[in-house]
Amino acid sequence: MFTKKPWRFFPELPSFKDNETAMHTKRIGTYSHRLSMIVELESQHAARILETAPLHDIGKIGVPESILLKPGKLNKDERSIIEQHPEMGAKILGKTCISI
């Protein structure tokens, strides 16, 4: 079925690599929405936060699985790579026509 908001599926993309990221993404959306309700944002803004907050980790699809799924502590180089995921996410979303 066609949706007017195809970007709503973007947060699911990292879950193909890492289930923990998928669960974290859903939690962030829920927590952000709850906080927006506590501070009494208008309902349409709170709904938008629920939909878009999970996009915060979309850049993790650009992080190698060997780093993303590594058990234990990351070394300096690995940490440097994973710290680039916000920039990767901005590039991904910046190439879309998404108005968030």
Protein backbone atom coordinates (compact mmCIF):
# COMPACT_ATOMS: atom_id res chain seq x y z
CA MET A 1 0.00 0.00 0.00
CA PHE A 2 1.28 3.46 -0.87
CA THR A 3 1.85 5.91 1.94
CA LYS A 4 2.32 9.64 1.78
CA LYS A 5 5.06 9.28 4.37
CA PRO A 6 7.53 6.69 3.02
CA TRP A 7 10.23 8.03 5.36
CA ARG A 8 8.31 6.38 8.21
CA PHE A 9 9.98 3.13 7.15
CA PHE A 10 13.52 4.54 7.32
CA PRO A 11 14.00 3.85 11.06
CA GLU A 12 13.50 0.16 10.34
CA LEU A 13 16.53 0.00 8.02
CA PRO A 14 19.22 -0.35 10.72
CA SER A 15 17.30 -3.30 12.19
CA PHE A 16 18.44 -5.38 9.24
CA LYS A 17 21.90 -5.25 10.78
CA ASP A 18 21.18 -5.05 14.47
CA ASN A 19 18.08 -5.91 16.50
CA GLU A 20 19.30 -3.89 19.50
CA THR A 21 19.43 -0.76 17.32
CA ALA A 22 15.88 -1.47 16.18
CA MET A 23 14.64 -1.76 19.75
CA HIS A 24 16.58 1.36 20.80
CA THR A 25 15.06 3.28 17.91
CA LYS A 26 11.53 2.35 18.97
CA ARG A 27 12.26 3.24 22.60
CA ILE A 28 13.59 6.66 21.61
CA GLY A 29 10.43 7.37 19.63
CA THR A 30 8.24 6.34 22.55
CA TYR A 31 10.25 8.22 25.18
CA SER A 32 10.45 11.36 23.04
CA HIS A 33 6.71 11.28 22.49
CA ARG A 34 6.02 10.84 26.20
CA LEU A 35 8.30 13.76 27.04
CA SER A 36 6.59 15.94 24.44
CA MET A 37 3.26 15.17 26.08
CA ILE A 38 4.64 15.95 29.56
CA VAL A 39 5.79 19.38 28.41
CA GLU A 40 2.37 19.80 26.79
CA LEU A 41 3.36 20.23 23.17
CA GLU A 42 0.47 20.48 20.76
CA SER A 43 -0.76 17.04 19.75
CA GLN A 44 0.36 17.37 16.11
CA HIS A 45 3.90 18.24 17.25
CA ALA A 46 3.94 15.32 19.68
CA ALA A 47 2.76 13.00 16.90
CA ARG A 48 5.49 14.33 14.60
CA ILE A 49 8.09 13.67 17.28
CA LEU A 50 6.83 10.10 17.66
CA GLU A 51 7.21 9.60 13.91
CA THR A 52 10.56 11.30 13.42
CA ALA A 53 12.57 10.68 16.61
CA PRO A 54 13.50 7.16 15.45
CA LEU A 55 15.33 8.70 12.50
CA HIS A 56 18.14 9.77 14.83
CA ASP A 57 20.09 6.55 14.14
CA ILE A 58 19.41 6.15 10.41
CA GLY A 59 23.13 6.74 9.74
CA LYS A 60 23.98 3.44 11.41
CA ILE A 61 23.20 1.72 8.12
CA GLY A 62 26.55 3.15 7.00
CA VAL A 63 28.48 1.59 9.88
CA PRO A 64 30.13 -1.77 9.13
CA GLU A 65 28.49 -4.73 10.85
CA SER A 66 31.83 -5.72 12.35
CA ILE A 67 31.70 -2.52 14.41
CA LEU A 68 27.97 -2.27 14.96
CA LEU A 69 27.68 -5.84 16.21
CA LYS A 70 31.00 -6.05 18.05
CA PRO A 71 30.62 -7.39 21.57
CA GLY A 72 32.51 -5.40 24.15
CA LYS A 73 34.33 -2.11 23.94
CA LEU A 74 35.21 -0.45 20.64
CA ASN A 75 38.77 0.61 19.98
CA LYS A 76 39.65 4.21 19.10
CA ASP A 77 39.32 3.71 15.33
CA GLU A 78 36.03 1.83 15.61
CA ARG A 79 34.65 4.49 17.94
CA SER A 80 35.65 7.16 15.43
CA ILE A 81 33.70 5.35 12.70
CA ILE A 82 30.54 4.86 14.75
CA GLU A 83 30.64 8.49 15.85
CA GLN A 84 30.20 9.43 12.19
CA HIS A 85 26.70 7.90 12.03
CA PRO A 86 24.90 11.22 12.73
CA GLU A 87 26.68 12.80 9.76
CA MET A 88 25.85 9.79 7.59
CA GLY A 89 22.21 10.09 8.67
CA ALA A 90 22.14 13.77 7.79
CA LYS A 91 23.50 12.97 4.34
CA ILE A 92 20.90 10.25 3.83
CA LEU A 93 18.01 12.45 4.90
CA GLY A 94 19.44 15.48 3.13
CA LYS A 95 19.17 13.68 -0.21
CA THR A 96 15.47 13.08 0.22
CA CYS A 97 12.50 15.35 -0.16
CA ILE A 98 11.46 14.70 3.41
CA SER A 99 10.14 17.66 5.32
CA ILE A 100 10.53 16.84 8.99
